[in-house]
Amino acid sequence: MYRFCAESDLQAFENFVKNNGGIYLQSVKWADVKKDWSHRFYSGFDGDNTRVLSALILERTLPAVGKIWYCPAGAVCDYDNAALISDFSKFMLSEMKKGGAAALFFDPAVELRINGEKQDRGVKVHNSLLRAGFMLNEDASKCLYKAPVQLMLPLKNAEGEIVSPEKLLKSFEKGVRYSVRIGENRGLTEKIFTEEDVKNDPEILSAFAAVMRDTSDRNDFTERDSGYIEHLLTVFGADEMDIMLIYYDKNKDKALEESRIKKKAELLSRLENAPEKKIRGIKEEIESIDKQTEHFNERIKETENEGDVIAVAGGLTVHYNGMSSCLFGGARNILRNNLRASHYFNFRRICRSIELKNYCHDLGYVLLKPTSADTDGTLGECVPREDFEGINAFKKSFGANYTEYIGEYILVADKIRFFAYNKLFGYAKKAQHVVNKIVKKTR
């Protein structure tokens, strides 16, 4: 009913991805990013020779296992079409045997739960994949590439209109709203940089690296080197990727403090002759200014050995096909508690997504505790790992939906080599974790 073939027309492939709701992980550009993997492109056609499927396949060779294939975010296709999924599965088994691959790992971007509510479509797609010969990896903590949970923030209302930043801000948790609103009053300012900016000014990547280094040390992951970041920027270009940095401007903060001191002097003068009913309000304003001055003095003391402008937060974002996805982001340790720059940064990052008229802002993933199958055979409830509980709560505080996808499915072409993969996978992950810790201690 359907035919599939290796694709040589990469522009047609990319057009199909974009015209059918694909994400950056399914694009031709992602193949260029993953330089350590070989890649293949496949397309599917119906009986009228209409293109109905695209699949980027990344290939890697593992010791004792041989080749494995990975289809990031699954194929771009109509997952409600069970016949298409079945025919694609048969074709891929044939291709894997020809190419000597042990298994295909497949993690479709199909929702299973949103904020804990089961999605009927996710269950149906799960059953279609099983009937097509895929098996579910029941433990989402041991996925090949990424955990099947993202924090997704819709940027359009029920009528399909882009939500204003002001309205969106009102939906955030109280503490986040406060941190965002006082950010500029504490000397914070944002700058957005693209590929050309980074080429012209190496200090941008140095500042970004400092942000990510502090963040990785706090959260126990290994940050990507500057070469990888430069490569990402080059592949996606200025229209689809940028770095945002939030700076603490000491001189701006000092100017704001001078304005507050003048305001306090005016209030003290008014207080002398103020009517009784106004006294309390004036005193509260003075107390507020005194508190702000206290925080200001703490900032100046903490940064007395630093320059006048300090990058305190930032991140790398890809804007692809109507979705902004946060690839990397974090905050410096310096002034972290005083400024709460992470809140201000993430709000400005969301504002950037709205400015680009994107329909969704993806705040990124969380790593998970081990899972098992649900009673209906689908992936069980995904719970953040202990060290990601704070990160998860932080992302949810911006109103993001905790989105659990259907998970990782595996199509096995060689059972013996796939068995070897299963045995080695846990050891490899533990070994990598140990190496990461050693790298941090010796850095």
Protein backbone atom coordinates (compact mmCIF):
# COMPACT_ATOMS: atom_id res chain seq x y z
CA MET A 1 0.00 0.00 0.00
CA TYR A 2 2.88 2.37 0.81
CA ARG A 3 6.39 2.48 -0.59
CA PHE A 4 9.52 3.79 1.10
CA CYS A 5 12.94 4.73 -0.17
CA ALA A 6 16.17 6.46 0.76
CA GLU A 7 15.73 10.18 0.15
CA SER A 8 18.21 12.25 -1.89
CA ASP A 9 16.06 15.36 -2.30
CA LEU A 10 16.80 16.92 1.07
CA GLN A 11 14.90 20.11 0.32
CA ALA A 12 11.74 18.10 -0.36
CA PHE A 13 12.42 16.16 2.86
CA GLU A 14 12.81 19.38 4.88
CA ASN A 15 9.71 20.92 3.31
CA PHE A 16 7.67 17.89 4.34
CA VAL A 17 8.97 18.11 7.92
CA LYS A 18 7.99 21.77 8.17
CA ASN A 19 4.64 21.41 6.43
CA ASN A 20 3.59 18.54 8.68
CA GLY A 21 4.37 19.83 12.15
CA GLY A 22 7.87 18.43 12.47
CA ILE A 23 10.33 19.66 15.08
CA TYR A 24 14.03 20.48 14.87
CA LEU A 25 15.06 16.96 15.92
CA GLN A 26 13.44 15.59 12.76
CA SER A 27 15.07 18.07 10.39
CA VAL A 28 17.91 17.78 7.92
CA LYS A 29 19.78 20.29 10.07
CA TRP A 30 19.78 17.97 13.07
CA ALA A 31 21.67 15.40 11.01
CA ASP A 32 24.32 18.08 10.39
CA VAL A 33 24.50 18.80 14.13
CA LYS A 34 25.07 15.16 15.15
CA LYS A 35 28.52 14.82 13.59
CA ASP A 36 29.39 11.74 15.67
CA TRP A 37 26.51 9.81 14.11
CA SER A 38 26.15 8.67 10.50
CA HIS A 39 22.78 9.51 9.03
CA ARG A 40 20.18 8.33 6.53
CA PHE A 41 17.02 9.98 5.23
CA TYR A 42 13.92 8.01 4.28
CA SER A 43 10.65 9.10 2.73
CA GLY A 44 7.33 7.31 2.33
CA PHE A 45 4.74 7.65 -0.45
CA ASP A 46 1.17 6.46 -0.93
CA GLY A 47 -0.37 4.88 -4.01
CA ASP A 48 -0.77 8.30 -5.66
CA ASN A 49 2.93 9.01 -5.12
CA THR A 50 2.11 11.63 -2.51
CA ARG A 51 4.75 12.04 0.18
CA VAL A 52 3.32 10.81 3.51
CA LEU A 53 6.34 10.21 5.76
CA SER A 54 9.86 11.39 6.50
CA ALA A 55 12.34 9.78 8.86
CA LEU A 56 15.81 10.93 9.85
CA ILE A 57 17.85 7.93 10.97
CA LEU A 58 21.04 8.41 12.98
CA GLU A 59 23.47 5.50 13.11
CA ARG A 60 26.13 4.71 15.66
CA THR A 61 28.40 1.72 16.26
CA LEU A 62 28.72 0.43 19.83
CA PRO A 63 31.30 -2.06 21.15
CA ALA A 64 30.01 -5.65 21.24
CA VAL A 65 26.69 -4.49 19.78
CA GLY A 66 27.51 -3.10 16.38
CA LYS A 67 25.23 -0.61 14.66
CA ILE A 68 22.13 0.85 16.24
CA TRP A 69 19.71 3.22 14.56
CA TYR A 70 17.86 6.09 16.17
CA CYS A 71 14.95 8.08 14.71
CA PRO A 72 14.84 11.32 16.79
CA ALA A 73 11.27 12.21 17.84
CA GLY A 74 10.08 9.43 15.52
CA ALA A 75 9.04 9.80 11.91
CA VAL A 76 7.00 12.74 10.66
CA CYS A 77 3.76 11.10 9.58
CA ASP A 78 0.11 10.51 10.43
CA TYR A 79 0.35 8.23 13.48
CA ASP A 80 -3.39 7.63 13.31
CA ASN A 81 -2.76 5.68 10.09
CA ALA A 82 -2.03 2.20 11.46
CA ALA A 83 -1.42 0.75 7.96
CA LEU A 84 1.28 3.35 7.30
CA ILE A 85 3.01 2.56 10.60
CA SER A 86 2.85 -1.18 9.88
CA ASP A 87 4.29 -0.87 6.37
CA PHE A 88 7.02 1.48 7.60
CA SER A 89 7.99 -1.03 10.28
CA LYS A 90 8.37 -3.84 7.73
CA PHE A 91 10.46 -1.61 5.50
CA MET A 92 12.75 -0.57 8.35
CA LEU A 93 13.33 -4.18 9.39
CA SER A 94 14.44 -4.93 5.86
CA GLU A 95 16.70 -1.87 5.78
CA MET A 96 18.26 -2.72 9.14
CA LYS A 97 19.11 -6.22 7.99
CA LYS A 98 20.70 -4.82 4.83
CA GLY A 99 22.60 -2.21 6.82
CA GLY A 100 23.64 -4.54 9.64
CA ALA A 101 21.81 -2.64 12.40
CA ALA A 102 20.77 -4.46 15.56
CA ALA A 103 17.78 -2.28 16.45
CA LEU A 104 15.91 0.92 15.69
CA PHE A 105 15.08 3.26 18.60
CA PHE A 106 11.99 5.34 17.96
CA ASP A 107 10.49 7.98 20.30
CA PRO A 108 7.51 9.66 18.61
CA ALA A 109 6.47 13.16 19.69
CA VAL A 110 2.98 11.91 20.60
CA GLU A 111 1.53 12.93 23.98
CA LEU A 112 0.48 10.23 26.44
CA ARG A 113 -0.33 12.48 29.43
CA ILE A 114 -0.61 16.22 29.88
CA ASN A 115 -0.48 17.28 33.52
CA GLY A 116 -1.35 13.72 34.47
CA GLU A 117 -4.39 13.41 32.19
CA LYS A 118 -4.22 10.41 29.84
CA GLN A 119 -4.55 11.19 26.14
CA ASP A 120 -6.63 8.70 24.15
CA ARG A 121 -4.60 9.28 20.99
CA GLY A 122 -1.39 8.33 22.78
CA VAL A 123 -2.90 5.00 23.82
CA LYS A 124 -4.06 4.28 20.24
CA VAL A 125 -0.65 5.10 18.76
CA HIS A 126 1.02 2.90 21.38
CA ASN A 127 -1.16 -0.04 20.34
CA SER A 128 -0.47 0.60 16.64
CA LEU A 129 3.28 0.54 17.26
CA LEU A 130 3.02 -2.75 19.18
CA ARG A 131 0.99 -4.33 16.38
CA ALA A 132 3.63 -3.11 13.92
CA GLY A 133 6.34 -5.02 15.77
CA PHE A 134 7.81 -2.34 18.03
CA MET A 135 8.26 -2.99 21.73
CA LEU A 136 8.05 -0.37 24.45
CA ASN A 137 11.04 0.41 26.65
CA GLU A 138 9.13 0.35 29.94
CA ASP A 139 11.89 2.08 31.91
CA ALA A 140 12.02 5.71 30.77
CA SER A 141 15.09 6.35 32.94
CA LYS A 142 17.10 4.23 30.50
CA CYS A 143 16.27 5.77 27.15
CA LEU A 144 18.93 5.86 24.46
CA TYR A 145 18.82 9.61 23.93
CA LYS A 146 16.20 11.59 25.88
CA ALA A 147 13.60 11.15 28.57
CA PRO A 148 10.00 11.31 27.28
CA VAL A 149 8.98 14.36 29.35
CA GLN A 150 9.04 18.00 28.28
CA LEU A 151 7.71 21.14 29.97
CA MET A 152 5.62 22.77 27.24
CA LEU A 153 4.17 26.28 27.45
CA PRO A 154 1.44 27.08 24.87
CA LEU A 155 1.71 30.63 23.51
CA LYS A 156 -1.70 30.74 21.85
CA ASN A 157 -5.14 30.96 23.45
CA ALA A 158 -8.21 28.87 22.57
CA GLU A 159 -8.96 31.20 19.65
CA GLY A 160 -5.49 30.65 18.18
CA GLU A 161 -4.25 34.13 19.06
CA ILE A 162 -0.73 34.76 20.41
CA VAL A 163 -0.94 35.57 24.13
CA SER A 164 0.63 38.87 25.21
CA PRO A 165 3.65 38.74 27.57
CA GLU A 166 1.70 40.76 30.16
CA LYS A 167 -1.21 38.31 30.19
CA LEU A 168 1.12 35.34 30.30
CA LEU A 169 3.04 36.86 33.20
CA LYS A 170 -0.17 36.96 35.24
CA SER A 171 -0.44 33.17 34.95
CA PHE A 172 2.97 32.58 36.54
CA GLU A 173 3.40 31.74 40.20
CA LYS A 174 3.51 34.74 42.55
CA GLY A 175 7.23 34.50 43.32
CA VAL A 176 8.09 34.31 39.64
CA ARG A 177 5.97 37.36 38.85
CA TYR A 178 7.74 39.34 41.57
CA SER A 179 11.23 38.33 40.39
CA VAL A 180 10.40 39.24 36.80
CA ARG A 181 8.96 42.62 37.68
CA ILE A 182 11.84 43.72 39.89
CA GLY A 183 14.55 42.41 37.52
CA GLU A 184 15.11 45.64 35.62
CA ASN A 185 14.99 47.62 38.87
CA ARG A 186 18.02 45.66 40.04
CA GLY A 187 20.14 46.45 37.00
CA LEU A 188 19.29 43.49 34.76
CA THR A 189 19.30 43.84 31.00
CA GLU A 190 19.14 41.35 28.12
CA LYS A 191 21.06 40.93 24.89
CA ILE A 192 20.39 38.50 22.05
CA PHE A 193 23.26 37.19 19.91
CA THR A 194 23.31 35.17 16.69
CA GLU A 195 25.96 33.30 14.75
CA GLU A 196 27.55 36.45 13.28
CA ASP A 197 27.79 38.16 16.69
CA VAL A 198 29.57 35.17 18.18
CA LYS A 199 32.07 35.08 15.31
CA ASN A 200 32.87 38.75 15.81
CA ASP A 201 33.09 38.67 19.61
CA PRO A 202 34.54 35.57 21.34
CA GLU A 203 33.60 37.09 24.73
CA ILE A 204 29.97 36.13 24.09
CA LEU A 205 30.79 32.42 24.16
CA SER A 206 33.09 32.91 27.14
CA ALA A 207 30.26 34.55 29.09
CA PHE A 208 27.83 31.82 28.04
CA ALA A 209 30.34 29.12 29.02
CA ALA A 210 30.68 30.66 32.49
CA VAL A 211 26.90 30.53 32.93
CA MET A 212 26.71 26.91 31.85
CA ARG A 213 29.72 25.88 33.94
CA ASP A 214 28.16 27.13 37.18
CA THR A 215 24.83 25.55 36.22
CA SER A 216 26.37 22.19 35.39
CA ASP A 217 28.31 22.12 38.66
CA ARG A 218 25.10 22.71 40.63
CA ASN A 219 23.04 20.18 38.68
CA ASP A 220 25.66 17.49 38.00
CA PHE A 221 25.80 17.42 34.22
CA THR A 222 28.66 18.10 31.80
CA GLU A 223 28.22 21.24 29.73
CA ARG A 224 28.89 21.28 25.99
CA ASP A 225 32.10 22.91 24.81
CA SER A 226 32.17 26.16 22.85
CA GLY A 227 32.94 24.34 19.59
CA TYR A 228 29.64 22.45 19.78
CA ILE A 229 27.72 25.67 20.50
CA GLU A 230 29.37 27.41 17.54
CA HIS A 231 28.51 24.46 15.31
CA LEU A 232 24.85 24.57 16.39
CA LEU A 233 24.68 28.30 15.65
CA THR A 234 26.22 27.78 12.23
CA VAL A 235 23.90 24.91 11.25
CA PHE A 236 20.65 26.64 12.25
CA GLY A 237 21.69 30.19 11.39
CA ALA A 238 20.50 33.54 12.69
CA ASP A 239 16.83 32.96 11.83
CA GLU A 240 16.51 29.75 13.84
CA MET A 241 18.93 29.95 16.75
CA ASP A 242 20.22 32.52 19.20
CA ILE A 243 21.96 32.98 22.52
CA MET A 244 20.31 35.24 25.07
CA LEU A 245 22.43 36.59 27.91
CA ILE A 246 21.16 38.50 30.94
CA TYR A 247 23.65 41.00 32.29
CA TYR A 248 23.88 42.70 35.64
CA ASP A 249 24.86 46.29 34.88
CA LYS A 250 26.42 47.77 38.01
CA ASN A 251 26.26 51.35 36.73
CA LYS A 252 22.59 50.99 35.85
CA ASP A 253 21.96 49.60 39.33
CA LYS A 254 23.81 52.55 40.91
CA ALA A 255 21.75 55.03 38.89
CA LEU A 256 18.55 53.31 40.04
CA GLU A 257 19.75 53.46 43.64
CA GLU A 258 20.42 57.19 43.32
CA SER A 259 16.84 57.65 42.10
CA ARG A 260 15.58 55.69 45.10
CA ILE A 261 17.62 57.83 47.50
CA LYS A 262 16.12 60.99 45.99
CA LYS A 263 12.67 59.44 46.26
CA LYS A 264 13.31 58.62 49.94
CA ALA A 265 14.35 62.23 50.63
CA GLU A 266 11.10 63.46 49.06
CA LEU A 267 9.08 61.02 51.15
CA LEU A 268 10.82 62.07 54.36
CA SER A 269 10.07 65.69 53.54
CA ARG A 270 6.40 64.87 52.87
CA LEU A 271 6.22 62.88 56.09
CA GLU A 272 6.86 65.97 58.22
CA ASN A 273 3.57 67.61 57.27
CA ALA A 274 1.57 64.60 56.05
CA PRO A 275 -2.01 64.14 57.27
CA GLU A 276 -2.56 61.20 59.60
CA LYS A 277 -4.21 59.02 56.94
CA LYS A 278 -1.14 59.34 54.63
CA ILE A 279 1.58 58.63 57.21
CA ARG A 280 1.34 54.84 57.14
CA GLY A 281 1.57 54.67 53.36
CA ILE A 282 4.59 56.98 53.23
CA LYS A 283 6.38 54.98 55.93
CA GLU A 284 5.77 51.74 54.02
CA GLU A 285 7.29 53.30 50.88
CA ILE A 286 10.35 54.37 52.89
CA GLU A 287 10.70 50.88 54.38
CA SER A 288 10.51 49.40 50.88
CA ILE A 289 13.26 51.72 49.65
CA ASP A 290 15.42 50.85 52.68
CA LYS A 291 15.04 47.16 51.89
CA GLN A 292 15.97 47.74 48.25
CA THR A 293 19.02 49.73 49.38
CA GLU A 294 20.04 46.85 51.63
CA HIS A 295 19.90 44.43 48.67
CA PHE A 296 21.75 46.95 46.50
CA ASN A 297 24.60 47.18 49.02
CA GLU A 298 24.81 43.39 49.11
CA ARG A 299 25.12 43.30 45.30
CA ILE A 300 27.86 45.91 45.27
CA LYS A 301 29.79 44.06 47.98
CA GLU A 302 29.46 40.69 46.23
CA THR A 303 30.71 42.13 42.93
CA GLU A 304 33.45 44.43 44.26
CA ASN A 305 36.12 42.37 42.47
CA GLU A 306 34.09 42.00 39.25
CA GLY A 307 33.67 44.28 36.26
CA ASP A 308 30.83 46.73 35.75
CA VAL A 309 28.84 44.40 33.49
CA ILE A 310 28.48 40.71 34.42
CA ALA A 311 26.64 37.96 32.51
CA VAL A 312 24.53 36.30 35.21
CA ALA A 313 22.14 34.08 33.19
CA GLY A 314 21.56 32.92 29.66
CA GLY A 315 20.64 30.17 27.27
CA LEU A 316 20.69 28.79 23.74
CA THR A 317 17.33 28.51 21.98
CA VAL A 318 16.31 27.00 18.65
CA HIS A 319 13.27 28.57 16.96
CA TYR A 320 12.09 25.98 14.44
CA ASN A 321 8.77 25.63 12.68
CA GLY A 322 6.71 27.63 15.18
CA MET A 323 8.26 26.22 18.34
CA SER A 324 11.02 27.67 20.52
CA SER A 325 13.00 24.94 22.27
CA CYS A 326 15.39 25.68 25.13
CA LEU A 327 18.49 23.60 24.44
CA PHE A 328 20.74 24.94 27.18
CA GLY A 329 20.26 27.52 29.90
CA GLY A 330 21.10 28.48 33.43
CA ALA A 331 22.53 31.07 35.79
CA ARG A 332 25.85 32.02 37.37
CA ASN A 333 26.38 31.45 41.09
CA ILE A 334 27.28 35.09 41.61
CA LEU A 335 24.27 37.21 42.70
CA ARG A 336 22.06 34.18 42.14
CA ASN A 337 19.93 34.61 45.26
CA ASN A 338 19.99 38.40 45.27
CA LEU A 339 18.93 38.90 41.64
CA ARG A 340 16.96 35.70 40.95
CA ALA A 341 18.04 36.29 37.37
CA SER A 342 16.81 32.85 36.25
CA HIS A 343 13.21 34.03 36.54
CA TYR A 344 13.86 37.23 34.63
CA PHE A 345 15.87 35.35 31.99
CA ASN A 346 13.21 32.71 31.36
CA PHE A 347 10.50 35.34 31.06
CA ARG A 348 12.56 37.30 28.53
CA ARG A 349 13.21 34.04 26.69
CA ILE A 350 9.45 33.43 26.51
CA CYS A 351 8.94 37.02 25.32
CA ARG A 352 11.38 36.29 22.50
CA SER A 353 9.26 33.29 21.47
CA ILE A 354 6.13 35.46 21.47
CA GLU A 355 7.93 38.13 19.45
CA LEU A 356 8.69 35.46 16.82
CA LYS A 357 4.97 34.48 16.84
CA ASN A 358 5.70 30.88 17.82
CA TYR A 359 2.83 28.72 19.06
CA CYS A 360 4.77 26.95 21.81
CA HIS A 361 7.76 27.41 24.11
CA ASP A 362 9.51 24.21 25.15
CA LEU A 363 11.30 24.73 28.49
CA GLY A 364 13.13 21.43 28.16
CA TYR A 365 13.27 18.00 29.73
CA VAL A 366 13.62 16.47 33.16
CA LEU A 367 15.39 13.22 33.99
CA LEU A 368 13.23 10.50 35.52
CA LYS A 369 13.07 7.82 38.15
CA PRO A 370 12.70 4.26 36.81
CA THR A 371 9.26 3.60 35.34
CA SER A 372 7.21 0.52 34.55
CA ALA A 373 4.26 -0.18 32.29
CA ASP A 374 0.81 1.14 33.16
CA THR A 375 -2.12 -1.26 33.51
CA ASP A 376 -3.06 -0.70 29.84
CA GLY A 377 0.48 -1.49 28.68
CA THR A 378 1.49 2.12 27.98
CA LEU A 379 4.40 3.83 29.70
CA GLY A 380 3.77 4.27 33.42
CA GLU A 381 3.72 7.58 35.25
CA CYS A 382 6.93 9.55 34.74
CA VAL A 383 8.28 11.05 37.99
CA PRO A 384 11.29 13.41 38.05
CA ARG A 385 14.49 12.11 39.57
CA GLU A 386 15.23 13.58 43.03
CA ASP A 387 17.92 15.90 41.64
CA PHE A 388 15.50 17.17 38.98
CA GLU A 389 12.53 17.85 41.27
CA GLY A 390 13.63 21.45 41.81
CA ILE A 391 14.26 21.98 38.09
CA ASN A 392 10.84 20.53 37.29
CA ALA A 393 9.11 22.77 39.86
CA PHE A 394 10.97 25.79 38.49
CA LYS A 395 9.81 25.12 34.93
CA LYS A 396 6.23 24.45 36.02
CA SER A 397 6.19 27.78 37.87
CA PHE A 398 6.02 29.47 34.45
CA GLY A 399 2.72 27.74 33.69
CA ALA A 400 4.28 25.00 31.55
CA ASN A 401 2.40 21.75 31.01
CA TYR A 402 4.11 18.60 32.29
CA THR A 403 3.95 16.62 29.05
CA GLU A 404 4.65 12.89 29.05
CA TYR A 405 5.15 11.41 25.58
CA ILE A 406 4.43 7.81 24.71
CA GLY A 407 8.07 6.88 25.21
CA GLU A 408 10.83 4.99 23.48
CA TYR A 409 9.94 2.07 21.20
CA ILE A 410 12.39 -0.42 19.78
CA LEU A 411 12.25 -2.42 16.56
CA VAL A 412 14.69 -5.32 16.93
CA ALA A 413 16.43 -6.77 13.88
CA ASP A 414 19.07 -8.86 15.68
CA LYS A 415 17.98 -10.28 19.05
CA ILE A 416 21.43 -11.45 20.16
CA ARG A 417 23.12 -8.10 19.59
CA PHE A 418 20.18 -6.25 21.11
CA PHE A 419 20.50 -8.45 24.20
CA ALA A 420 24.16 -7.38 24.39
CA TYR A 421 23.05 -3.75 24.16
CA ASN A 422 20.66 -4.18 27.08
CA LYS A 423 23.39 -5.72 29.20
CA LEU A 424 25.95 -3.02 28.41
CA PHE A 425 23.69 0.02 28.54
CA GLY A 426 23.49 0.31 32.33
CA TYR A 427 27.24 -0.12 32.76
CA ALA A 428 27.96 2.49 30.09
CA LYS A 429 25.66 5.06 31.72
CA LYS A 430 27.25 4.54 35.13
CA ALA A 431 30.75 4.75 33.67
CA GLN A 432 29.90 7.99 31.88
CA HIS A 433 28.51 9.46 35.11
CA VAL A 434 31.77 8.66 36.91
CA VAL A 435 33.83 10.17 34.07
CA ASN A 436 31.72 13.34 34.18
CA LYS A 437 32.39 13.74 37.90
CA ILE A 438 36.14 13.25 37.41
CA VAL A 439 36.16 15.82 34.60
CA LYS A 440 34.48 18.38 36.87
CA LYS A 441 36.90 17.81 39.73
CA THR A 442 39.96 18.16 37.50
CA ARG A 443 38.66 21.06 35.42
